[in-house]
Amino acid sequence: DAPPLQGRAREVLDAASLHIAGLRSVASR
């Protein structure tokens, strides 16, 4: 039932984008 790697990679990178955005927001303040 595991999703294909492409799907997992997309999910991981979507979460990473949120973390990176949070870091950039902190840096700006």
mmCIF file of all heavy atoms, coordinates in Angstrom:
data_MODEL
# 
_entry.id   MODEL 
# 
loop_
_atom_site.group_PDB 
_atom_site.id 
_atom_site.type_symbol 
_atom_site.label_atom_id 
_atom_site.label_alt_id 
_atom_site.label_comp_id 
_atom_site.label_asym_id 
_atom_site.label_entity_id 
_atom_site.label_seq_id 
_atom_site.pdbx_PDB_ins_code 
_atom_site.Cartn_x 
_atom_site.Cartn_y 
_atom_site.Cartn_z 
_atom_site.occupancy 
_atom_site.B_iso_or_equiv 
_atom_site.pdbx_formal_charge 
_atom_site.auth_seq_id 
_atom_site.auth_comp_id 
_atom_site.auth_asym_id 
_atom_site.auth_atom_id 
_atom_site.pdbx_PDB_model_num 
ATOM 1   N N   . ASP A 1 1  ? 0.804  -1.217 0.000  1.00 0.00 ? 1  ASP A N   1 
ATOM 2   C CA  . ASP A 1 1  ? 0.000  0.000  0.000  1.00 0.00 ? 1  ASP A CA  1 
ATOM 3   C C   . ASP A 1 1  ? 0.838  1.269  0.000  1.00 0.00 ? 1  ASP A C   1 
ATOM 4   O O   . ASP A 1 1  ? 0.287  2.372  0.015  1.00 0.00 ? 1  ASP A O   1 
ATOM 5   C CB  . ASP A 1 1  ? -0.923 0.016  1.230  1.00 0.00 ? 1  ASP A CB  1 
ATOM 6   C CG  . ASP A 1 1  ? -1.881 -1.166 1.229  1.00 0.00 ? 1  ASP A CG  1 
ATOM 7   O OD1 . ASP A 1 1  ? -2.241 -1.626 0.134  1.00 0.00 ? 1  ASP A OD1 1 
ATOM 8   O OD2 . ASP A 1 1  ? -2.241 -1.610 2.318  1.00 0.00 ? 1  ASP A OD2 1 
ATOM 9   N N   . ALA A 1 2  ? 2.180  1.137  0.044  1.00 0.00 ? 2  ALA A N   1 
ATOM 10  C CA  . ALA A 1 2  ? 3.032  2.319  0.142  1.00 0.00 ? 2  ALA A CA  1 
ATOM 11  C C   . ALA A 1 2  ? 2.910  3.161  -1.122 1.00 0.00 ? 2  ALA A C   1 
ATOM 12  O O   . ALA A 1 2  ? 2.863  2.619  -2.228 1.00 0.00 ? 2  ALA A O   1 
ATOM 13  C CB  . ALA A 1 2  ? 4.489  1.897  0.342  1.00 0.00 ? 2  ALA A CB  1 
ATOM 14  N N   . PRO A 1 3  ? 2.862  4.485  -0.953 1.00 0.00 ? 3  PRO A N   1 
ATOM 15  C CA  . PRO A 1 3  ? 2.782  5.355  -2.129 1.00 0.00 ? 3  PRO A CA  1 
ATOM 16  C C   . PRO A 1 3  ? 4.090  5.300  -2.902 1.00 0.00 ? 3  PRO A C   1 
ATOM 17  O O   . PRO A 1 3  ? 5.133  4.948  -2.356 1.00 0.00 ? 3  PRO A O   1 
ATOM 18  C CB  . PRO A 1 3  ? 2.564  6.745  -1.513 1.00 0.00 ? 3  PRO A CB  1 
ATOM 19  C CG  . PRO A 1 3  ? 3.136  6.641  -0.145 1.00 0.00 ? 3  PRO A CG  1 
ATOM 20  C CD  . PRO A 1 3  ? 2.910  5.231  0.302  1.00 0.00 ? 3  PRO A CD  1 
ATOM 21  N N   . PRO A 1 4  ? 4.069  5.650  -4.187 1.00 0.00 ? 4  PRO A N   1 
ATOM 22  C CA  . PRO A 1 4  ? 5.312  5.670  -4.953 1.00 0.00 ? 4  PRO A CA  1 
ATOM 23  C C   . PRO A 1 4  ? 6.264  6.707  -4.394 1.00 0.00 ? 4  PRO A C   1 
ATOM 24  O O   . PRO A 1 4  ? 5.855  7.657  -3.730 1.00 0.00 ? 4  PRO A O   1 
ATOM 25  C CB  . PRO A 1 4  ? 4.837  6.046  -6.369 1.00 0.00 ? 4  PRO A CB  1 
ATOM 26  C CG  . PRO A 1 4  ? 3.514  6.703  -6.163 1.00 0.00 ? 4  PRO A CG  1 
ATOM 27  C CD  . PRO A 1 4  ? 2.906  6.045  -4.967 1.00 0.00 ? 4  PRO A CD  1 
ATOM 28  N N   . LEU A 1 5  ? 7.553  6.529  -4.671 1.00 0.00 ? 5  LEU A N   1 
ATOM 29  C CA  . LEU A 1 5  ? 8.564  7.423  -4.106 1.00 0.00 ? 5  LEU A CA  1 
ATOM 30  C C   . LEU A 1 5  ? 8.324  8.860  -4.503 1.00 0.00 ? 5  LEU A C   1 
ATOM 31  O O   . LEU A 1 5  ? 8.557  9.779  -3.748 1.00 0.00 ? 5  LEU A O   1 
ATOM 32  C CB  . LEU A 1 5  ? 9.953  6.962  -4.553 1.00 0.00 ? 5  LEU A CB  1 
ATOM 33  C CG  . LEU A 1 5  ? 11.126 7.744  -3.965 1.00 0.00 ? 5  LEU A CG  1 
ATOM 34  C CD1 . LEU A 1 5  ? 11.109 7.677  -2.454 1.00 0.00 ? 5  LEU A CD1 1 
ATOM 35  C CD2 . LEU A 1 5  ? 12.446 7.208  -4.503 1.00 0.00 ? 5  LEU A CD2 1 
ATOM 36  N N   . GLN A 1 6  ? 7.862  9.078  -5.733 1.00 0.00 ? 6  GLN A N   1 
ATOM 37  C CA  . GLN A 1 6  ? 7.594  10.441 -6.180 1.00 0.00 ? 6  GLN A CA  1 
ATOM 38  C C   . GLN A 1 6  ? 6.580  11.113 -5.262 1.00 0.00 ? 6  GLN A C   1 
ATOM 39  O O   . GLN A 1 6  ? 6.731  12.268 -4.895 1.00 0.00 ? 6  GLN A O   1 
ATOM 40  C CB  . GLN A 1 6  ? 7.070  10.425 -7.627 1.00 0.00 ? 6  GLN A CB  1 
ATOM 41  C CG  . GLN A 1 6  ? 6.777  11.807 -8.184 1.00 0.00 ? 6  GLN A CG  1 
ATOM 42  C CD  . GLN A 1 6  ? 8.017  12.673 -8.248 1.00 0.00 ? 6  GLN A CD  1 
ATOM 43  O OE1 . GLN A 1 6  ? 9.088  12.201 -8.636 1.00 0.00 ? 6  GLN A OE1 1 
ATOM 44  N NE2 . GLN A 1 6  ? 7.900  13.931 -7.882 1.00 0.00 ? 6  GLN A NE2 1 
ATOM 45  N N   . GLY A 1 7  ? 5.548  10.379 -4.867 1.00 0.00 ? 7  GLY A N   1 
ATOM 46  C CA  . GLY A 1 7  ? 4.544  10.939 -3.964 1.00 0.00 ? 7  GLY A CA  1 
ATOM 47  C C   . GLY A 1 7  ? 5.110  11.242 -2.597 1.00 0.00 ? 7  GLY A C   1 
ATOM 48  O O   . GLY A 1 7  ? 4.807  12.267 -1.998 1.00 0.00 ? 7  GLY A O   1 
ATOM 49  N N   . ARG A 1 8  ? 5.954  10.341 -2.078 1.00 0.00 ? 8  ARG A N   1 
ATOM 50  C CA  . ARG A 1 8  ? 6.573  10.564 -0.773 1.00 0.00 ? 8  ARG A CA  1 
ATOM 51  C C   . ARG A 1 8  ? 7.493  11.762 -0.827 1.00 0.00 ? 8  ARG A C   1 
ATOM 52  O O   . ARG A 1 8  ? 7.534  12.571 0.092  1.00 0.00 ? 8  ARG A O   1 
ATOM 53  C CB  . ARG A 1 8  ? 7.362  9.314  -0.342 1.00 0.00 ? 8  ARG A CB  1 
ATOM 54  C CG  . ARG A 1 8  ? 6.575  8.353  0.513  1.00 0.00 ? 8  ARG A CG  1 
ATOM 55  C CD  . ARG A 1 8  ? 7.453  7.480  1.375  1.00 0.00 ? 8  ARG A CD  1 
ATOM 56  N NE  . ARG A 1 8  ? 8.585  6.877  0.701  1.00 0.00 ? 8  ARG A NE  1 
ATOM 57  C CZ  . ARG A 1 8  ? 8.552  5.776  -0.017 1.00 0.00 ? 8  ARG A CZ  1 
ATOM 58  N NH1 . ARG A 1 8  ? 7.399  5.156  -0.212 1.00 0.00 ? 8  ARG A NH1 1 
ATOM 59  N NH2 . ARG A 1 8  ? 9.645  5.280  -0.553 1.00 0.00 ? 8  ARG A NH2 1 
ATOM 60  N N   . ALA A 1 9  ? 8.262  11.863 -1.907 1.00 0.00 ? 9  ALA A N   1 
ATOM 61  C CA  . ALA A 1 9  ? 9.193  12.977 -2.041 1.00 0.00 ? 9  ALA A CA  1 
ATOM 62  C C   . ALA A 1 9  ? 8.431  14.301 -2.082 1.00 0.00 ? 9  ALA A C   1 
ATOM 63  O O   . ALA A 1 9  ? 8.846  15.287 -1.457 1.00 0.00 ? 9  ALA A O   1 
ATOM 64  C CB  . ALA A 1 9  ? 10.024 12.803 -3.315 1.00 0.00 ? 9  ALA A CB  1 
ATOM 65  N N   . ARG A 1 10 ? 7.323  14.313 -2.792 1.00 0.00 ? 10 ARG A N   1 
ATOM 66  C CA  . ARG A 1 10 ? 6.532  15.541 -2.872 1.00 0.00 ? 10 ARG A CA  1 
ATOM 67  C C   . ARG A 1 10 ? 5.988  15.925 -1.500 1.00 0.00 ? 10 ARG A C   1 
ATOM 68  O O   . ARG A 1 10 ? 6.002  17.097 -1.109 1.00 0.00 ? 10 ARG A O   1 
ATOM 69  C CB  . ARG A 1 10 ? 5.383  15.344 -3.870 1.00 0.00 ? 10 ARG A CB  1 
ATOM 70  C CG  . ARG A 1 10 ? 4.581  16.620 -4.129 1.00 0.00 ? 10 ARG A CG  1 
ATOM 71  C CD  . ARG A 1 10 ? 3.726  16.493 -5.381 1.00 0.00 ? 10 ARG A CD  1 
ATOM 72  N NE  . ARG A 1 10 ? 2.914  15.290 -5.370 1.00 0.00 ? 10 ARG A NE  1 
ATOM 73  C CZ  . ARG A 1 10 ? 3.104  14.263 -6.213 1.00 0.00 ? 10 ARG A CZ  1 
ATOM 74  N NH1 . ARG A 1 10 ? 4.085  14.276 -7.095 1.00 0.00 ? 10 ARG A NH1 1 
ATOM 75  N NH2 . ARG A 1 10 ? 2.314  13.194 -6.149 1.00 0.00 ? 10 ARG A NH2 1 
ATOM 76  N N   . GLU A 1 11 ? 5.530  14.945 -0.746 1.00 0.00 ? 11 GLU A N   1 
ATOM 77  C CA  . GLU A 1 11 ? 5.012  15.216 0.599  1.00 0.00 ? 11 GLU A CA  1 
ATOM 78  C C   . GLU A 1 11 ? 6.103  15.757 1.518  1.00 0.00 ? 11 GLU A C   1 
ATOM 79  O O   . GLU A 1 11 ? 5.892  16.720 2.273  1.00 0.00 ? 11 GLU A O   1 
ATOM 80  C CB  . GLU A 1 11 ? 4.437  13.916 1.178  1.00 0.00 ? 11 GLU A CB  1 
ATOM 81  C CG  . GLU A 1 11 ? 3.856  14.065 2.568  1.00 0.00 ? 11 GLU A CG  1 
ATOM 82  C CD  . GLU A 1 11 ? 3.334  12.745 3.109  1.00 0.00 ? 11 GLU A CD  1 
ATOM 83  O OE1 . GLU A 1 11 ? 3.129  11.813 2.312  1.00 0.00 ? 11 GLU A OE1 1 
ATOM 84  O OE2 . GLU A 1 11 ? 3.144  12.665 4.331  1.00 0.00 ? 11 GLU A OE2 1 
ATOM 85  N N   . VAL A 1 12 ? 7.289  15.151 1.439  1.00 0.00 ? 12 VAL A N   1 
ATOM 86  C CA  . VAL A 1 12 ? 8.410  15.594 2.272  1.00 0.00 ? 12 VAL A CA  1 
ATOM 87  C C   . VAL A 1 12 ? 8.820  17.015 1.911  1.00 0.00 ? 12 VAL A C   1 
ATOM 88  O O   . VAL A 1 12 ? 9.065  17.854 2.788  1.00 0.00 ? 12 VAL A O   1 
ATOM 89  C CB  . VAL A 1 12 ? 9.602  14.621 2.117  1.00 0.00 ? 12 VAL A CB  1 
ATOM 90  C CG1 . VAL A 1 12 ? 10.870 15.214 2.731  1.00 0.00 ? 12 VAL A CG1 1 
ATOM 91  C CG2 . VAL A 1 12 ? 9.292  13.294 2.793  1.00 0.00 ? 12 VAL A CG2 1 
ATOM 92  N N   . LEU A 1 13 ? 8.894  17.296 0.620  1.00 0.00 ? 13 LEU A N   1 
ATOM 93  C CA  . LEU A 1 13 ? 9.331  18.626 0.189  1.00 0.00 ? 13 LEU A CA  1 
ATOM 94  C C   . LEU A 1 13 ? 8.289  19.694 0.501  1.00 0.00 ? 13 LEU A C   1 
ATOM 95  O O   . LEU A 1 13 ? 8.647  20.850 0.779  1.00 0.00 ? 13 LEU A O   1 
ATOM 96  C CB  . LEU A 1 13 ? 9.646  18.611 -1.308 1.00 0.00 ? 13 LEU A CB  1 
ATOM 97  C CG  . LEU A 1 13 ? 10.863 17.775 -1.721 1.00 0.00 ? 13 LEU A CG  1 
ATOM 98  C CD1 . LEU A 1 13 ? 11.112 17.898 -3.213 1.00 0.00 ? 13 LEU A CD1 1 
ATOM 99  C CD2 . LEU A 1 13 ? 12.100 18.182 -0.939 1.00 0.00 ? 13 LEU A CD2 1 
ATOM 100 N N   . ASP A 1 14 ? 7.023  19.342 0.478  1.00 0.00 ? 14 ASP A N   1 
ATOM 101 C CA  . ASP A 1 14 ? 5.983  20.301 0.857  1.00 0.00 ? 14 ASP A CA  1 
ATOM 102 C C   . ASP A 1 14 ? 6.135  20.695 2.327  1.00 0.00 ? 14 ASP A C   1 
ATOM 103 O O   . ASP A 1 14 ? 6.036  21.878 2.694  1.00 0.00 ? 14 ASP A O   1 
ATOM 104 C CB  . ASP A 1 14 ? 4.593  19.706 0.623  1.00 0.00 ? 14 ASP A CB  1 
ATOM 105 C CG  . ASP A 1 14 ? 4.222  19.652 -0.850 1.00 0.00 ? 14 ASP A CG  1 
ATOM 106 O OD1 . ASP A 1 14 ? 4.911  20.309 -1.651 1.00 0.00 ? 14 ASP A OD1 1 
ATOM 107 O OD2 . ASP A 1 14 ? 3.248  18.955 -1.196 1.00 0.00 ? 14 ASP A OD2 1 
ATOM 108 N N   . ALA A 1 15 ? 6.384  19.699 3.180  1.00 0.00 ? 15 ALA A N   1 
ATOM 109 C CA  . ALA A 1 15 ? 6.592  19.997 4.606  1.00 0.00 ? 15 ALA A CA  1 
ATOM 110 C C   . ALA A 1 15 ? 7.869  20.805 4.803  1.00 0.00 ? 15 ALA A C   1 
ATOM 111 O O   . ALA A 1 15 ? 7.910  21.734 5.619  1.00 0.00 ? 15 ALA A O   1 
ATOM 112 C CB  . ALA A 1 15 ? 6.660  18.691 5.404  1.00 0.00 ? 15 ALA A CB  1 
ATOM 113 N N   . ALA A 1 16 ? 8.909  20.470 4.037  1.00 0.00 ? 16 ALA A N   1 
ATOM 114 C CA  . ALA A 1 16 ? 10.175 21.199 4.148  1.00 0.00 ? 16 ALA A CA  1 
ATOM 115 C C   . ALA A 1 16 ? 9.998  22.666 3.763  1.00 0.00 ? 16 ALA A C   1 
ATOM 116 O O   . ALA A 1 16 ? 10.597 23.556 4.380  1.00 0.00 ? 16 ALA A O   1 
ATOM 117 C CB  . ALA A 1 16 ? 11.236 20.542 3.270  1.00 0.00 ? 16 ALA A CB  1 
ATOM 118 N N   . SER A 1 17 ? 9.179  22.925 2.760  1.00 0.00 ? 17 SER A N   1 
ATOM 119 C CA  . SER A 1 17 ? 8.948  24.311 2.331  1.00 0.00 ? 17 SER A CA  1 
ATOM 120 C C   . SER A 1 17 ? 8.359  25.148 3.456  1.00 0.00 ? 17 SER A C   1 
ATOM 121 O O   . SER A 1 17 ? 8.704  26.323 3.628  1.00 0.00 ? 17 SER A O   1 
ATOM 122 C CB  . SER A 1 17 ? 8.014  24.340 1.117  1.00 0.00 ? 17 SER A CB  1 
ATOM 123 O OG  . SER A 1 17 ? 8.615  23.719 0.011  1.00 0.00 ? 17 SER A OG  1 
ATOM 124 N N   . LEU A 1 18 ? 7.480  24.549 4.239  1.00 0.00 ? 18 LEU A N   1 
ATOM 125 C CA  . LEU A 1 18 ? 6.897  25.263 5.373  1.00 0.00 ? 18 LEU A CA  1 
ATOM 126 C C   . LEU A 1 18 ? 7.954  25.576 6.433  1.00 0.00 ? 18 LEU A C   1 
ATOM 127 O O   . LEU A 1 18 ? 7.978  26.672 7.003  1.00 0.00 ? 18 LEU A O   1 
ATOM 128 C CB  . LEU A 1 18 ? 5.768  24.435 5.991  1.00 0.00 ? 18 LEU A CB  1 
ATOM 129 C CG  . LEU A 1 18 ? 4.548  24.182 5.092  1.00 0.00 ? 18 LEU A CG  1 
ATOM 130 C CD1 . LEU A 1 18 ? 3.535  23.292 5.814  1.00 0.00 ? 18 LEU A CD1 1 
ATOM 131 C CD2 . LEU A 1 18 ? 3.895  25.507 4.687  1.00 0.00 ? 18 LEU A CD2 1 
ATOM 132 N N   . HIS A 1 19 ? 8.836  24.610 6.694  1.00 0.00 ? 19 HIS A N   1 
ATOM 133 C CA  . HIS A 1 19 ? 9.899  24.845 7.676  1.00 0.00 ? 19 HIS A CA  1 
ATOM 134 C C   . HIS A 1 19 ? 10.861 25.941 7.205  1.00 0.00 ? 19 HIS A C   1 
ATOM 135 O O   . HIS A 1 19 ? 11.261 26.803 7.992  1.00 0.00 ? 19 HIS A O   1 
ATOM 136 C CB  . HIS A 1 19 ? 10.676 23.554 7.930  1.00 0.00 ? 19 HIS A CB  1 
ATOM 137 C CG  . HIS A 1 19 ? 9.880  22.478 8.607  1.00 0.00 ? 19 HIS A CG  1 
ATOM 138 N ND1 . HIS A 1 19 ? 9.112  22.723 9.729  1.00 0.00 ? 19 HIS A ND1 1 
ATOM 139 C CD2 . HIS A 1 19 ? 9.740  21.162 8.311  1.00 0.00 ? 19 HIS A CD2 1 
ATOM 140 C CE1 . HIS A 1 19 ? 8.530  21.587 10.103 1.00 0.00 ? 19 HIS A CE1 1 
ATOM 141 N NE2 . HIS A 1 19 ? 8.887  20.641 9.271  1.00 0.00 ? 19 HIS A NE2 1 
ATOM 142 N N   . ILE A 1 20 ? 11.204 25.896 5.922  1.00 0.00 ? 20 ILE A N   1 
ATOM 143 C CA  . ILE A 1 20 ? 12.116 26.905 5.379  1.00 0.00 ? 20 ILE A CA  1 
ATOM 144 C C   . ILE A 1 20 ? 11.468 28.289 5.417  1.00 0.00 ? 20 ILE A C   1 
ATOM 145 O O   . ILE A 1 20 ? 12.110 29.290 5.766  1.00 0.00 ? 20 ILE A O   1 
ATOM 146 C CB  . ILE A 1 20 ? 12.531 26.533 3.942  1.00 0.00 ? 20 ILE A CB  1 
ATOM 147 C CG1 . ILE A 1 20 ? 13.378 25.252 3.969  1.00 0.00 ? 20 ILE A CG1 1 
ATOM 148 C CG2 . ILE A 1 20 ? 13.313 27.668 3.298  1.00 0.00 ? 20 ILE A CG2 1 
ATOM 149 C CD1 . ILE A 1 20 ? 13.665 24.679 2.589  1.00 0.00 ? 20 ILE A CD1 1 
ATOM 150 N N   . ALA A 1 21 ? 10.185 28.348 5.093  1.00 0.00 ? 21 ALA A N   1 
ATOM 151 C CA  . ALA A 1 21 ? 9.473  29.632 5.150  1.00 0.00 ? 21 ALA A CA  1 
ATOM 152 C C   . ALA A 1 21 ? 9.452  30.170 6.574  1.00 0.00 ? 21 ALA A C   1 
ATOM 153 O O   . ALA A 1 21 ? 9.603  31.386 6.798  1.00 0.00 ? 21 ALA A O   1 
ATOM 154 C CB  . ALA A 1 21 ? 8.051  29.458 4.621  1.00 0.00 ? 21 ALA A CB  1 
ATOM 155 N N   . GLY A 1 22 ? 9.262  29.271 7.548  1.00 0.00 ? 22 GLY A N   1 
ATOM 156 C CA  . GLY A 1 22 ? 9.289  29.701 8.943  1.00 0.00 ? 22 GLY A CA  1 
ATOM 157 C C   . GLY A 1 22 ? 10.643 30.238 9.347  1.00 0.00 ? 22 GLY A C   1 
ATOM 158 O O   . GLY A 1 22 ? 10.739 31.264 10.062 1.00 0.00 ? 22 GLY A O   1 
ATOM 159 N N   . LEU A 1 23 ? 11.725 29.576 8.901  1.00 0.00 ? 23 LEU A N   1 
ATOM 160 C CA  . LEU A 1 23 ? 13.072 30.063 9.204  1.00 0.00 ? 23 LEU A CA  1 
ATOM 161 C C   . LEU A 1 23 ? 13.328 31.428 8.575  1.00 0.00 ? 23 LEU A C   1 
ATOM 162 O O   . LEU A 1 23 ? 13.906 32.323 9.206  1.00 0.00 ? 23 LEU A O   1 
ATOM 163 C CB  . LEU A 1 23 ? 14.110 29.050 8.702  1.00 0.00 ? 23 LEU A CB  1 
ATOM 164 C CG  . LEU A 1 23 ? 14.259 27.765 9.520  1.00 0.00 ? 23 LEU A CG  1 
ATOM 165 C CD1 . LEU A 1 23 ? 15.112 26.742 8.766  1.00 0.00 ? 23 LEU A CD1 1 
ATOM 166 C CD2 . LEU A 1 23 ? 14.890 28.069 10.871 1.00 0.00 ? 23 LEU A CD2 1 
ATOM 167 N N   . ARG A 1 24 ? 12.907 31.610 7.340  1.00 0.00 ? 24 ARG A N   1 
ATOM 168 C CA  . ARG A 1 24 ? 13.112 32.905 6.669  1.00 0.00 ? 24 ARG A CA  1 
ATOM 169 C C   . ARG A 1 24 ? 12.309 34.007 7.363  1.00 0.00 ? 24 ARG A C   1 
ATOM 170 O O   . ARG A 1 24 ? 12.764 35.155 7.474  1.00 0.00 ? 24 ARG A O   1 
ATOM 171 C CB  . ARG A 1 24 ? 12.716 32.797 5.196  1.00 0.00 ? 24 ARG A CB  1 
ATOM 172 C CG  . ARG A 1 24 ? 13.687 31.977 4.363  1.00 0.00 ? 24 ARG A CG  1 
ATOM 173 C CD  . ARG A 1 24 ? 13.649 32.383 2.906  1.00 0.00 ? 24 ARG A CD  1 
ATOM 174 N NE  . ARG A 1 24 ? 14.527 31.573 2.092  1.00 0.00 ? 24 ARG A NE  1 
ATOM 175 C CZ  . ARG A 1 24 ? 15.828 31.752 1.965  1.00 0.00 ? 24 ARG A CZ  1 
ATOM 176 N NH1 . ARG A 1 24 ? 16.405 32.741 2.640  1.00 0.00 ? 24 ARG A NH1 1 
ATOM 177 N NH2 . ARG A 1 24 ? 16.556 30.979 1.182  1.00 0.00 ? 24 ARG A NH2 1 
ATOM 178 N N   . SER A 1 25 ? 11.131 33.663 7.828  1.00 0.00 ? 25 SER A N   1 
ATOM 179 C CA  . SER A 1 25 ? 10.309 34.644 8.526  1.00 0.00 ? 25 SER A CA  1 
ATOM 180 C C   . SER A 1 25 ? 10.990 35.093 9.821  1.00 0.00 ? 25 SER A C   1 
ATOM 181 O O   . SER A 1 25 ? 11.012 36.288 10.149 1.00 0.00 ? 25 SER A O   1 
ATOM 182 C CB  . SER A 1 25 ? 8.930  34.045 8.828  1.00 0.00 ? 25 SER A CB  1 
ATOM 183 O OG  . SER A 1 25 ? 8.126  34.950 9.540  1.00 0.00 ? 25 SER A OG  1 
ATOM 184 N N   . VAL A 1 26 ? 11.553 34.129 10.551 1.00 0.00 ? 26 VAL A N   1 
ATOM 185 C CA  . VAL A 1 26 ? 12.278 34.474 11.784 1.00 0.00 ? 26 VAL A CA  1 
ATOM 186 C C   . VAL A 1 26 ? 13.476 35.359 11.452 1.00 0.00 ? 26 VAL A C   1 
ATOM 187 O O   . VAL A 1 26 ? 13.714 36.381 12.115 1.00 0.00 ? 26 VAL A O   1 
ATOM 188 C CB  . VAL A 1 26 ? 12.740 33.193 12.515 1.00 0.00 ? 26 VAL A CB  1 
ATOM 189 C CG1 . VAL A 1 26 ? 13.732 33.524 13.625 1.00 0.00 ? 26 VAL A CG1 1 
ATOM 190 C CG2 . VAL A 1 26 ? 11.542 32.448 13.091 1.00 0.00 ? 26 VAL A CG2 1 
ATOM 191 N N   . ALA A 1 27 ? 14.238 34.977 10.433 1.00 0.00 ? 27 ALA A N   1 
ATOM 192 C CA  . ALA A 1 27 ? 15.430 35.747 10.065 1.00 0.00 ? 27 ALA A CA  1 
ATOM 193 C C   . ALA A 1 27 ? 15.086 37.189 9.728  1.00 0.00 ? 27 ALA A C   1 
ATOM 194 O O   . ALA A 1 27 ? 15.838 38.118 10.056 1.00 0.00 ? 27 ALA A O   1 
ATOM 195 C CB  . ALA A 1 27 ? 16.132 35.076 8.887  1.00 0.00 ? 27 ALA A CB  1 
ATOM 196 N N   . SER A 1 28 ? 13.943 37.397 9.089  1.00 0.00 ? 28 SER A N   1 
ATOM 197 C CA  . SER A 1 28 ? 13.551 38.756 8.693  1.00 0.00 ? 28 SER A CA  1 
ATOM 198 C C   . SER A 1 28 ? 13.210 39.636 9.886  1.00 0.00 ? 28 SER A C   1 
ATOM 199 O O   . SER A 1 28 ? 13.240 40.869 9.789  1.00 0.00 ? 28 SER A O   1 
ATOM 200 C CB  . SER A 1 28 ? 12.361 38.688 7.738  1.00 0.00 ? 28 SER A CB  1 
ATOM 201 O OG  . SER A 1 28 ? 11.191 38.233 8.420  1.00 0.00 ? 28 SER A OG  1 
ATOM 202 N N   . ARG A 1 29 ? 12.893 39.017 11.023 1.00 0.00 ? 29 ARG A N   1 
ATOM 203 C CA  . ARG A 1 29 ? 12.508 39.799 12.209 1.00 0.00 ? 29 ARG A CA  1 
ATOM 204 C C   . ARG A 1 29 ? 13.653 40.010 13.187 1.00 0.00 ? 29 ARG A C   1 
ATOM 205 O O   . ARG A 1 29 ? 13.497 40.754 14.157 1.00 0.00 ? 29 ARG A O   1 
ATOM 206 C CB  . ARG A 1 29 ? 11.356 39.097 12.947 1.00 0.00 ? 29 ARG A CB  1 
ATOM 207 C CG  . ARG A 1 29 ? 10.062 39.059 12.181 1.00 0.00 ? 29 ARG A CG  1 
ATOM 208 C CD  . ARG A 1 29 ? 8.906  38.619 13.067 1.00 0.00 ? 29 ARG A CD  1 
ATOM 209 N NE  . ARG A 1 29 ? 9.088  37.249 13.561 1.00 0.00 ? 29 ARG A NE  1 
ATOM 210 C CZ  . ARG A 1 29 ? 8.657  36.157 12.929 1.00 0.00 ? 29 ARG A CZ  1 
ATOM 211 N NH1 . ARG A 1 29 ? 8.052  36.276 11.753 1.00 0.00 ? 29 ARG A NH1 1 
ATOM 212 N NH2 . ARG A 1 29 ? 8.832  34.948 13.446 1.00 0.00 ? 29 ARG A NH2 1 
# 
